[in-house]
Amino acid sequence: MRKVLGASIFSVWNLLSKDFVILVLISFLIASPLAWLMMSKWLQSYSYRVNISWEIFAFAGFLSMAIALATVSFQAIKAALVNPTRSLRSE
Protein backbone atom coordinates (compact mmCIF):
# COMPACT_ATOMS: atom_id res chain seq x y z
CA MET A 1 0.00 0.00 0.00
CA ARG A 2 2.87 2.37 0.76
CA LYS A 3 4.31 1.70 -2.67
CA VAL A 4 1.03 2.77 -4.27
CA LEU A 5 1.17 6.03 -2.32
CA GLY A 6 4.66 6.77 -3.64
CA ALA A 7 7.03 5.34 -1.06
CA SER A 8 10.61 4.84 -2.17
CA ILE A 9 12.36 1.49 -2.24
CA PHE A 10 14.55 2.58 0.67
CA SER A 11 11.56 3.49 2.86
CA VAL A 12 9.90 0.12 2.18
CA TRP A 13 13.19 -1.67 2.91
CA ASN A 14 13.68 0.36 6.09
CA LEU A 15 10.16 -0.41 7.29
CA LEU A 16 10.55 -4.16 6.76
CA SER A 17 14.14 -4.44 8.01
CA LYS A 18 13.77 -2.43 11.21
CA ASP A 19 11.71 -5.08 13.01
CA PHE A 20 14.09 -7.90 12.13
CA VAL A 21 17.14 -5.93 13.22
CA ILE A 22 15.52 -5.28 16.60
CA LEU A 23 14.66 -8.97 17.00
CA VAL A 24 18.19 -10.09 16.13
CA LEU A 25 19.65 -7.53 18.54
CA ILE A 26 17.38 -8.65 21.39
CA SER A 27 18.17 -12.31 20.76
CA PHE A 28 21.89 -11.53 20.69
CA LEU A 29 21.66 -9.67 23.99
CA ILE A 30 19.87 -12.62 25.58
CA ALA A 31 22.04 -15.36 24.06
CA SER A 32 25.49 -13.84 24.61
CA PRO A 33 25.56 -13.92 28.42
CA LEU A 34 24.01 -17.37 28.46
CA ALA A 35 26.56 -18.67 25.95
CA TRP A 36 29.42 -17.10 27.89
CA LEU A 37 28.20 -18.67 31.15
CA MET A 38 27.74 -22.12 29.62
CA MET A 39 31.09 -22.00 27.81
CA SER A 40 33.01 -20.88 30.87
CA LYS A 41 31.46 -23.64 33.01
CA TRP A 42 32.23 -26.20 30.32
CA LEU A 43 35.83 -25.02 29.92
CA GLN A 44 36.47 -25.18 33.69
CA SER A 45 36.55 -28.96 33.50
CA TYR A 46 39.72 -28.91 31.37
CA SER A 47 43.16 -28.70 32.93
CA TYR A 48 44.40 -26.17 30.35
CA ARG A 49 41.76 -23.48 30.41
CA VAL A 50 41.23 -21.14 27.48
CA ASN A 51 39.89 -17.65 28.15
CA ILE A 52 36.84 -16.52 26.23
CA SER A 53 37.33 -13.10 24.69
CA TRP A 54 34.64 -10.60 23.82
CA GLU A 55 35.80 -10.54 20.19
CA ILE A 56 34.24 -13.94 19.60
CA PHE A 57 30.83 -12.69 20.68
CA ALA A 58 31.22 -9.45 18.72
CA PHE A 59 32.06 -11.40 15.57
CA ALA A 60 29.11 -13.76 16.14
CA GLY A 61 26.77 -10.79 16.62
CA PHE A 62 28.08 -9.04 13.53
CA LEU A 63 27.77 -12.20 11.46
CA SER A 64 24.23 -12.94 12.62
CA MET A 65 23.19 -9.33 11.93
CA ALA A 66 24.76 -9.48 8.45
CA ILE A 67 22.98 -12.74 7.60
CA ALA A 68 19.64 -11.42 8.86
CA LEU A 69 20.02 -8.15 6.95
CA ALA A 70 21.04 -9.93 3.76
CA THR A 71 18.07 -12.27 3.94
CA VAL A 72 15.54 -9.59 4.82
CA SER A 73 17.00 -7.11 2.34
CA PHE A 74 16.69 -9.56 -0.51
CA GLN A 75 13.02 -10.19 0.23
CA ALA A 76 12.23 -6.53 1.01
CA ILE A 77 13.84 -5.19 -2.16
CA LYS A 78 12.15 -7.90 -4.20
CA ALA A 79 8.80 -6.87 -2.71
CA ALA A 80 9.52 -3.16 -3.20
CA LEU A 81 10.36 -3.60 -6.88
CA VAL A 82 7.09 -5.38 -7.70
CA ASN A 83 4.56 -3.30 -9.57
CA PRO A 84 1.85 -2.46 -6.98
CA THR A 85 -0.96 -2.46 -9.52
CA ARG A 86 -0.47 -6.18 -10.17
CA SER A 87 -0.84 -6.93 -6.48
CA LEU A 88 -3.94 -4.79 -6.13
CA ARG A 89 -5.61 -6.34 -9.19
CA SER A 90 -5.16 -9.89 -7.92
CA GLU A 91 -6.55 -9.07 -4.50
PDB file of N, CA and C in Angstrom:
ATOM      1  N   MET A   1       0.811  -1.183   0.000  1.00  0.00           N
ATOM      2  CA  MET A   1       0.000   0.000   0.000  1.00  0.00           C
ATOM      3  C   MET A   1       0.863   1.258   0.000  1.00  0.00           C
ATOM      4  N   ARG A   2       1.967   1.211   0.726  1.00  0.00           N
ATOM      5  CA  ARG A   2       2.867   2.370   0.760  1.00  0.00           C
ATOM      6  C   ARG A   2       3.483   2.629  -0.606  1.00  0.00           C
ATOM      7  N   LYS A   3       3.731   1.564  -1.334  1.00  0.00           N
ATOM      8  CA  LYS A   3       4.314   1.703  -2.670  1.00  0.00           C
ATOM      9  C   LYS A   3       3.330   2.403  -3.606  1.00  0.00           C
ATOM     10  N   VAL A   4       2.052   2.121  -3.450  1.00  0.00           N
ATOM     11  CA  VAL A   4       1.034   2.769  -4.271  1.00  0.00           C
ATOM     12  C   VAL A   4       0.991   4.263  -3.984  1.00  0.00           C
ATOM     13  N   LEU A   5       1.216   4.624  -2.721  1.00  0.00           N
ATOM     14  CA  LEU A   5       1.168   6.028  -2.324  1.00  0.00           C
ATOM     15  C   LEU A   5       2.474   6.764  -2.598  1.00  0.00           C
ATOM     16  N   GLY A   6       3.435   6.101  -3.207  1.00  0.00           N
ATOM     17  CA  GLY A   6       4.659   6.771  -3.638  1.00  0.00           C
ATOM     18  C   GLY A   6       5.864   6.591  -2.750  1.00  0.00           C
ATOM     19  N   ALA A   7       5.876   5.578  -1.919  1.00  0.00           N
ATOM     20  CA  ALA A   7       7.029   5.340  -1.057  1.00  0.00           C
ATOM     21  C   ALA A   7       8.212   4.869  -1.884  1.00  0.00           C
ATOM     22  N   SER A   8       9.398   5.257  -1.460  1.00  0.00           N
ATOM     23  CA  SER A   8      10.607   4.845  -2.171  1.00  0.00           C
ATOM     24  C   SER A   8      10.990   3.421  -1.773  1.00  0.00           C
ATOM     25  N   ILE A   9      11.892   2.849  -2.525  1.00  0.00           N
ATOM     26  CA  ILE A   9      12.361   1.491  -2.239  1.00  0.00           C
ATOM     27  C   ILE A   9      13.068   1.465  -0.890  1.00  0.00           C
ATOM     28  N   PHE A  10      13.841   2.520  -0.600  1.00  0.00           N
ATOM     29  CA  PHE A  10      14.554   2.584   0.672  1.00  0.00           C
ATOM     30  C   PHE A  10      13.590   2.649   1.854  1.00  0.00           C
ATOM     31  N   SER A  11      12.501   3.390   1.733  1.00  0.00           N
ATOM     32  CA  SER A  11      11.562   3.486   2.855  1.00  0.00           C
ATOM     33  C   SER A  11      10.842   2.157   3.086  1.00  0.00           C
ATOM     34  N   VAL A  12      10.522   1.442   2.024  1.00  0.00           N
ATOM     35  CA  VAL A  12       9.899   0.125   2.176  1.00  0.00           C
ATOM     36  C   VAL A  12      10.897  -0.845   2.791  1.00  0.00           C
ATOM     37  N   TRP A  13      12.148  -0.799   2.342  1.00  0.00           N
ATOM     38  CA  TRP A  13      13.190  -1.668   2.907  1.00  0.00           C
ATOM     39  C   TRP A  13      13.415  -1.338   4.373  1.00  0.00           C
ATOM     40  N   ASN A  14      13.456  -0.067   4.708  1.00  0.00           N
ATOM     41  CA  ASN A  14      13.675   0.358   6.091  1.00  0.00           C
ATOM     42  C   ASN A  14      12.536  -0.109   6.983  1.00  0.00           C
ATOM     43  N   LEU A  15      11.327   0.001   6.514  1.00  0.00           N
ATOM     44  CA  LEU A  15      10.163  -0.410   7.290  1.00  0.00           C
ATOM     45  C   LEU A  15      10.193  -1.908   7.578  1.00  0.00           C
ATOM     46  N   LEU A  16      10.543  -2.703   6.585  1.00  0.00           N
ATOM     47  CA  LEU A  16      10.553  -4.159   6.763  1.00  0.00           C
ATOM     48  C   LEU A  16      11.778  -4.645   7.534  1.00  0.00           C
ATOM     49  N   SER A  17      12.901  -3.985   7.377  1.00  0.00           N
ATOM     50  CA  SER A  17      14.137  -4.445   8.012  1.00  0.00           C
ATOM     51  C   SER A  17      14.248  -4.047   9.476  1.00  0.00           C
ATOM     52  N   LYS A  18      13.618  -2.958   9.856  1.00  0.00           N
ATOM     53  CA  LYS A  18      13.767  -2.435  11.208  1.00  0.00           C
ATOM     54  C   LYS A  18      13.326  -3.450  12.257  1.00  0.00           C
ATOM     55  N   ASP A  19      12.219  -4.112  12.039  1.00  0.00           N
ATOM     56  CA  ASP A  19      11.712  -5.080  13.012  1.00  0.00           C
ATOM     57  C   ASP A  19      12.639  -6.276  13.160  1.00  0.00           C
ATOM     58  N   PHE A  20      13.193  -6.753  12.055  1.00  0.00           N
ATOM     59  CA  PHE A  20      14.089  -7.903  12.127  1.00  0.00           C
ATOM     60  C   PHE A  20      15.410  -7.557  12.805  1.00  0.00           C
ATOM     61  N   VAL A  21      15.897  -6.351  12.571  1.00  0.00           N
ATOM     62  CA  VAL A  21      17.139  -5.930  13.223  1.00  0.00           C
ATOM     63  C   VAL A  21      16.941  -5.862  14.733  1.00  0.00           C
ATOM     64  N   ILE A  22      15.807  -5.359  15.164  1.00  0.00           N
ATOM     65  CA  ILE A  22      15.522  -5.284  16.600  1.00  0.00           C
ATOM     66  C   ILE A  22      15.422  -6.681  17.203  1.00  0.00           C
ATOM     67  N   LEU A  23      14.774  -7.601  16.496  1.00  0.00           N
ATOM     68  CA  LEU A  23      14.659  -8.973  17.000  1.00  0.00           C
ATOM     69  C   LEU A  23      16.009  -9.671  17.092  1.00  0.00           C
ATOM     70  N   VAL A  24      16.858  -9.480  16.092  1.00  0.00           N
ATOM     71  CA  VAL A  24      18.192 -10.093  16.127  1.00  0.00           C
ATOM     72  C   VAL A  24      19.023  -9.488  17.254  1.00  0.00           C
ATOM     73  N   LEU A  25      18.907  -8.196  17.466  1.00  0.00           N
ATOM     74  CA  LEU A  25      19.647  -7.533  18.538  1.00  0.00           C
ATOM     75  C   LEU A  25      19.187  -8.029  19.911  1.00  0.00           C
ATOM     76  N   ILE A  26      17.891  -8.151  20.113  1.00  0.00           N
ATOM     77  CA  ILE A  26      17.380  -8.650  21.391  1.00  0.00           C
ATOM     78  C   ILE A  26      17.818 -10.094  21.623  1.00  0.00           C
ATOM     79  N   SER A  27      17.745 -10.914  20.587  1.00  0.00           N
ATOM     80  CA  SER A  27      18.165 -12.312  20.757  1.00  0.00           C
ATOM     81  C   SER A  27      19.656 -12.420  21.027  1.00  0.00           C
ATOM     82  N   PHE A  28      20.453 -11.528  20.422  1.00  0.00           N
ATOM     83  CA  PHE A  28      21.890 -11.534  20.692  1.00  0.00           C
ATOM     84  C   PHE A  28      22.169 -11.115  22.129  1.00  0.00           C
ATOM     85  N   LEU A  29      21.447 -10.124  22.623  1.00  0.00           N
ATOM     86  CA  LEU A  29      21.655  -9.665  23.993  1.00  0.00           C
ATOM     87  C   LEU A  29      21.229 -10.705  25.021  1.00  0.00           C
ATOM     88  N   ILE A  30      20.279 -11.544  24.677  1.00  0.00           N
ATOM     89  CA  ILE A  30      19.872 -12.623  25.579  1.00  0.00           C
ATOM     90  C   ILE A  30      20.825 -13.808  25.475  1.00  0.00           C
ATOM     91  N   ALA A  31      21.247 -14.150  24.266  1.00  0.00           N
ATOM     92  CA  ALA A  31      22.043 -15.365  24.057  1.00  0.00           C
ATOM     93  C   ALA A  31      23.508 -15.204  24.451  1.00  0.00           C
ATOM     94  N   SER A  32      24.059 -14.019  24.325  1.00  0.00           N
ATOM     95  CA  SER A  32      25.490 -13.843  24.608  1.00  0.00           C
ATOM     96  C   SER A  32      25.865 -14.141  26.058  1.00  0.00           C
ATOM     97  N   PRO A  33      25.187 -13.570  27.043  1.00  0.00           N
ATOM     98  CA  PRO A  33      25.556 -13.919  28.420  1.00  0.00           C
ATOM     99  C   PRO A  33      25.332 -15.382  28.752  1.00  0.00           C
ATOM    100  N   LEU A  34      24.260 -15.954  28.210  1.00  0.00           N
ATOM    101  CA  LEU A  34      24.009 -17.372  28.457  1.00  0.00           C
ATOM    102  C   LEU A  34      25.089 -18.240  27.828  1.00  0.00           C
ATOM    103  N   ALA A  35      25.501 -17.903  26.615  1.00  0.00           N
ATOM    104  CA  ALA A  35      26.561 -18.674  25.945  1.00  0.00           C
ATOM    105  C   ALA A  35      27.880 -18.526  26.687  1.00  0.00           C
ATOM    106  N   TRP A  36      28.174 -17.311  27.152  1.00  0.00           N
ATOM    107  CA  TRP A  36      29.417 -17.103  27.894  1.00  0.00           C
ATOM    108  C   TRP A  36      29.425 -17.914  29.182  1.00  0.00           C
ATOM    109  N   LEU A  37      28.298 -17.917  29.898  1.00  0.00           N
ATOM    110  CA  LEU A  37      28.200 -18.666  31.146  1.00  0.00           C
ATOM    111  C   LEU A  37      28.350 -20.163  30.904  1.00  0.00           C
ATOM    112  N   MET A  38      27.662 -20.685  29.906  1.00  0.00           N
ATOM    113  CA  MET A  38      27.743 -22.117  29.618  1.00  0.00           C
ATOM    114  C   MET A  38      29.132 -22.517  29.140  1.00  0.00           C
ATOM    115  N   MET A  39      29.746 -21.680  28.302  1.00  0.00           N
ATOM    116  CA  MET A  39      31.088 -22.005  27.806  1.00  0.00           C
ATOM    117  C   MET A  39      32.124 -21.943  28.921  1.00  0.00           C
ATOM    118  N   SER A  40      32.023 -20.977  29.796  1.00  0.00           N
ATOM    119  CA  SER A  40      33.009 -20.877  30.871  1.00  0.00           C
ATOM    120  C   SER A  40      32.875 -22.037  31.849  1.00  0.00           C
ATOM    121  N   LYS A  41      31.636 -22.466  32.142  1.00  0.00           N
ATOM    122  CA  LYS A  41      31.464 -23.638  33.012  1.00  0.00           C
ATOM    123  C   LYS A  41      31.971 -24.908  32.339  1.00  0.00           C
ATOM    124  N   TRP A  42      31.766 -25.028  31.047  1.00  0.00           N
ATOM    125  CA  TRP A  42      32.229 -26.203  30.319  1.00  0.00           C
ATOM    126  C   TRP A  42      33.754 -26.227  30.249  1.00  0.00           C
ATOM    127  N   LEU A  43      34.373 -25.066  30.043  1.00  0.00           N
ATOM    128  CA  LEU A  43      35.830 -25.018  29.922  1.00  0.00           C
ATOM    129  C   LEU A  43      36.542 -25.165  31.265  1.00  0.00           C
ATOM    130  N   GLN A  44      35.842 -25.012  32.382  1.00  0.00           N
ATOM    131  CA  GLN A  44      36.468 -25.179  33.695  1.00  0.00           C
ATOM    132  C   GLN A  44      36.862 -26.625  33.962  1.00  0.00           C
ATOM    133  N   SER A  45      36.239 -27.552  33.268  1.00  0.00           N
ATOM    134  CA  SER A  45      36.547 -28.958  33.504  1.00  0.00           C
ATOM    135  C   SER A  45      37.869 -29.391  32.873  1.00  0.00           C
ATOM    136  N   TYR A  46      38.446 -28.569  32.007  1.00  0.00           N
ATOM    137  CA  TYR A  46      39.719 -28.906  31.375  1.00  0.00           C
ATOM    138  C   TYR A  46      40.881 -28.395  32.210  1.00  0.00           C
ATOM    139  N   SER A  47      41.994 -29.114  32.147  1.00  0.00           N
ATOM    140  CA  SER A  47      43.158 -28.696  32.934  1.00  0.00           C
ATOM    141  C   SER A  47      43.847 -27.473  32.328  1.00  0.00           C
ATOM    142  N   TYR A  48      43.850 -27.355  31.013  1.00  0.00           N
ATOM    143  CA  TYR A  48      44.403 -26.173  30.350  1.00  0.00           C
ATOM    144  C   TYR A  48      43.235 -25.308  29.888  1.00  0.00           C
ATOM    145  N   ARG A  49      42.940 -24.306  30.673  1.00  0.00           N
ATOM    146  CA  ARG A  49      41.761 -23.479  30.415  1.00  0.00           C
ATOM    147  C   ARG A  49      42.071 -22.399  29.389  1.00  0.00           C
ATOM    148  N   VAL A  50      41.127 -22.178  28.507  1.00  0.00           N
ATOM    149  CA  VAL A  50      41.227 -21.136  27.480  1.00  0.00           C
ATOM    150  C   VAL A  50      40.272 -20.014  27.863  1.00  0.00           C
ATOM    151  N   ASN A  51      40.753 -18.784  27.836  1.00  0.00           N
ATOM    152  CA  ASN A  51      39.888 -17.646  28.149  1.00  0.00           C
ATOM    153  C   ASN A  51      39.007 -17.311  26.962  1.00  0.00           C
ATOM    154  N   ILE A  52      37.790 -16.896  27.265  1.00  0.00           N
ATOM    155  CA  ILE A  52      36.835 -16.516  26.232  1.00  0.00           C
ATOM    156  C   ILE A  52      36.888 -15.003  26.087  1.00  0.00           C
ATOM    157  N   SER A  53      37.230 -14.536  24.898  1.00  0.00           N
ATOM    158  CA  SER A  53      37.330 -13.095  24.691  1.00  0.00           C
ATOM    159  C   SER A  53      36.031 -12.541  24.134  1.00  0.00           C
ATOM    160  N   TRP A  54      35.847 -11.258  24.294  1.00  0.00           N
ATOM    161  CA  TRP A  54      34.636 -10.601  23.819  1.00  0.00           C
ATOM    162  C   TRP A  54      34.596 -10.507  22.303  1.00  0.00           C
ATOM    163  N   GLU A  55      35.760 -10.634  21.643  1.00  0.00           N
ATOM    164  CA  GLU A  55      35.801 -10.540  20.187  1.00  0.00           C
ATOM    165  C   GLU A  55      35.013 -11.667  19.516  1.00  0.00           C
ATOM    166  N   ILE A  56      34.990 -12.813  20.153  1.00  0.00           N
ATOM    167  CA  ILE A  56      34.242 -13.943  19.597  1.00  0.00           C
ATOM    168  C   ILE A  56      32.750 -13.617  19.556  1.00  0.00           C
ATOM    169  N   PHE A  57      32.254 -13.040  20.631  1.00  0.00           N
ATOM    170  CA  PHE A  57      30.835 -12.690  20.680  1.00  0.00           C
ATOM    171  C   PHE A  57      30.518 -11.521  19.758  1.00  0.00           C
ATOM    172  N   ALA A  58      31.439 -10.571  19.641  1.00  0.00           N
ATOM    173  CA  ALA A  58      31.220  -9.448  18.719  1.00  0.00           C
ATOM    174  C   ALA A  58      31.170  -9.940  17.280  1.00  0.00           C
ATOM    175  N   PHE A  59      32.062 -10.850  16.923  1.00  0.00           N
ATOM    176  CA  PHE A  59      32.059 -11.402  15.572  1.00  0.00           C
ATOM    177  C   PHE A  59      30.783 -12.200  15.312  1.00  0.00           C
ATOM    178  N   ALA A  60      30.342 -12.984  16.298  1.00  0.00           N
ATOM    179  CA  ALA A  60      29.108 -13.757  16.140  1.00  0.00           C
ATOM    180  C   ALA A  60      27.901 -12.837  15.988  1.00  0.00           C
ATOM    181  N   GLY A  61      27.874 -11.751  16.746  1.00  0.00           N
ATOM    182  CA  GLY A  61      26.774 -10.795  16.625  1.00  0.00           C
ATOM    183  C   GLY A  61      26.777 -10.090  15.288  1.00  0.00           C
ATOM    184  N   PHE A  62      27.964  -9.688  14.833  1.00  0.00           N
ATOM    185  CA  PHE A  62      28.078  -9.037  13.529  1.00  0.00           C
ATOM    186  C   PHE A  62      27.665  -9.981  12.411  1.00  0.00           C
ATOM    187  N   LEU A  63      28.093 -11.224  12.493  1.00  0.00           N
ATOM    188  CA  LEU A  63      27.768 -12.202  11.458  1.00  0.00           C
ATOM    189  C   LEU A  63      26.278 -12.515  11.434  1.00  0.00           C
ATOM    190  N   SER A  64      25.670 -12.663  12.590  1.00  0.00           N
ATOM    191  CA  SER A  64      24.231 -12.938  12.619  1.00  0.00           C
ATOM    192  C   SER A  64      23.429 -11.743  12.116  1.00  0.00           C
ATOM    193  N   MET A  65      23.883 -10.523  12.426  1.00  0.00           N
ATOM    194  CA  MET A  65      23.192  -9.334  11.925  1.00  0.00           C
ATOM    195  C   MET A  65      23.347  -9.217  10.408  1.00  0.00           C
ATOM    196  N   ALA A  66      24.524  -9.545   9.897  1.00  0.00           N
ATOM    197  CA  ALA A  66      24.758  -9.478   8.451  1.00  0.00           C
ATOM    198  C   ALA A  66      23.904 -10.501   7.706  1.00  0.00           C
ATOM    199  N   ILE A  67      23.805 -11.710   8.239  1.00  0.00           N
ATOM    200  CA  ILE A  67      22.983 -12.741   7.600  1.00  0.00           C
ATOM    201  C   ILE A  67      21.513 -12.352   7.631  1.00  0.00           C
ATOM    202  N   ALA A  68      21.047 -11.836   8.762  1.00  0.00           N
ATOM    203  CA  ALA A  68      19.642 -11.423   8.860  1.00  0.00           C
ATOM    204  C   ALA A  68      19.342 -10.263   7.918  1.00  0.00           C
ATOM    205  N   LEU A  69      20.242  -9.283   7.852  1.00  0.00           N
ATOM    206  CA  LEU A  69      20.022  -8.152   6.953  1.00  0.00           C
ATOM    207  C   LEU A  69      20.072  -8.563   5.487  1.00  0.00           C
ATOM    208  N   ALA A  70      20.966  -9.479   5.146  1.00  0.00           N
ATOM    209  CA  ALA A  70      21.038  -9.933   3.759  1.00  0.00           C
ATOM    210  C   ALA A  70      19.770 -10.669   3.356  1.00  0.00           C
ATOM    211  N   THR A  71      19.279 -11.513   4.242  1.00  0.00           N
ATOM    212  CA  THR A  71      18.066 -12.270   3.943  1.00  0.00           C
ATOM    213  C   THR A  71      16.848 -11.356   3.840  1.00  0.00           C
ATOM    214  N   VAL A  72      16.696 -10.484   4.812  1.00  0.00           N
ATOM    215  CA  VAL A  72      15.537  -9.591   4.824  1.00  0.00           C
ATOM    216  C   VAL A  72      15.633  -8.577   3.687  1.00  0.00           C
ATOM    217  N   SER A  73      16.833  -8.100   3.412  1.00  0.00           N
ATOM    218  CA  SER A  73      17.003  -7.113   2.345  1.00  0.00           C
ATOM    219  C   SER A  73      16.638  -7.691   0.990  1.00  0.00           C
ATOM    220  N   PHE A  74      17.030  -8.925   0.759  1.00  0.00           N
ATOM    221  CA  PHE A  74      16.688  -9.560  -0.512  1.00  0.00           C
ATOM    222  C   PHE A  74      15.179  -9.621  -0.697  1.00  0.00           C
ATOM    223  N   GLN A  75      14.479 -10.071   0.328  1.00  0.00           N
ATOM    224  CA  GLN A  75      13.024 -10.186   0.227  1.00  0.00           C
ATOM    225  C   GLN A  75      12.342  -8.818   0.189  1.00  0.00           C
ATOM    226  N   ALA A  76      12.849  -7.857   0.968  1.00  0.00           N
ATOM    227  CA  ALA A  76      12.227  -6.532   1.014  1.00  0.00           C
ATOM    228  C   ALA A  76      12.416  -5.788  -0.302  1.00  0.00           C
ATOM    229  N   ILE A  77      13.602  -5.869  -0.881  1.00  0.00           N
ATOM    230  CA  ILE A  77      13.843  -5.188  -2.156  1.00  0.00           C
ATOM    231  C   ILE A  77      13.051  -5.863  -3.269  1.00  0.00           C
ATOM    232  N   LYS A  78      12.954  -7.178  -3.209  1.00  0.00           N
ATOM    233  CA  LYS A  78      12.149  -7.895  -4.199  1.00  0.00           C
ATOM    234  C   LYS A  78      10.685  -7.475  -4.100  1.00  0.00           C
ATOM    235  N   ALA A  79      10.188  -7.308  -2.886  1.00  0.00           N
ATOM    236  CA  ALA A  79       8.801  -6.871  -2.706  1.00  0.00           C
ATOM    237  C   ALA A  79       8.622  -5.412  -3.098  1.00  0.00           C
ATOM    238  N   ALA A  80       9.640  -4.589  -2.875  1.00  0.00           N
ATOM    239  CA  ALA A  80       9.524  -3.164  -3.198  1.00  0.00           C
ATOM    240  C   ALA A  80       9.590  -2.915  -4.701  1.00  0.00           C
ATOM    241  N   LEU A  81      10.232  -3.788  -5.434  1.00  0.00           N
ATOM    242  CA  LEU A  81      10.356  -3.598  -6.878  1.00  0.00           C
ATOM    243  C   LEU A  81       9.151  -4.101  -7.664  1.00  0.00           C
ATOM    244  N   VAL A  82       8.273  -4.851  -7.025  1.00  0.00           N
ATOM    245  CA  VAL A  82       7.091  -5.381  -7.702  1.00  0.00           C
ATOM    246  C   VAL A  82       6.140  -4.227  -8.007  1.00  0.00           C
ATOM    247  N   ASN A  83       5.534  -4.302  -9.175  1.00  0.00           N
ATOM    248  CA  ASN A  83       4.562  -3.296  -9.571  1.00  0.00           C
ATOM    249  C   ASN A  83       3.326  -3.406  -8.671  1.00  0.00           C
ATOM    250  N   PRO A  84       2.959  -2.351  -7.938  1.00  0.00           N
ATOM    251  CA  PRO A  84       1.853  -2.464  -6.979  1.00  0.00           C
ATOM    252  C   PRO A  84       0.488  -2.671  -7.636  1.00  0.00           C
ATOM    253  N   THR A  85       0.340  -2.272  -8.879  1.00  0.00           N
ATOM    254  CA  THR A  85      -0.962  -2.462  -9.520  1.00  0.00           C
ATOM    255  C   THR A  85      -1.271  -3.933  -9.763  1.00  0.00           C
ATOM    256  N   ARG A  86      -0.249  -4.740 -10.000  1.00  0.00           N
ATOM    257  CA  ARG A  86      -0.467  -6.184 -10.170  1.00  0.00           C
ATOM    258  C   ARG A  86      -0.968  -6.816  -8.882  1.00  0.00           C
ATOM    259  N   SER A  87      -0.410  -6.385  -7.771  1.00  0.00           N
ATOM    260  CA  SER A  87      -0.838  -6.935  -6.477  1.00  0.00           C
ATOM    261  C   SER A  87      -2.259  -6.509  -6.157  1.00  0.00           C
ATOM    262  N   LEU A  88      -2.603  -5.275  -6.446  1.00  0.00           N
ATOM    263  CA  LEU A  88      -3.944  -4.794  -6.130  1.00  0.00           C
ATOM    264  C   LEU A  88      -4.992  -5.417  -7.048  1.00  0.00           C
ATOM    265  N   ARG A  89      -4.658  -5.719  -8.274  1.00  0.00           N
ATOM    266  CA  ARG A  89      -5.613  -6.342  -9.194  1.00  0.00           C
ATOM    267  C   ARG A  89      -5.935  -7.768  -8.772  1.00  0.00           C
ATOM    268  N   SER A  90      -4.927  -8.501  -8.293  1.00  0.00           N
ATOM    269  CA  SER A  90      -5.155  -9.886  -7.925  1.00  0.00           C
ATOM    270  C   SER A  90      -5.899 -10.020  -6.597  1.00  0.00           C
ATOM    271  N   GLU A  91      -5.852  -9.007  -5.775  1.00  0.00           N
ATOM    272  CA  GLU A  91      -6.553  -9.071  -4.498  1.00  0.00           C
ATOM    273  C   GLU A  91      -7.836  -8.371  -4.657  1.00  0.00           C
TER     274      GLU A  91
END
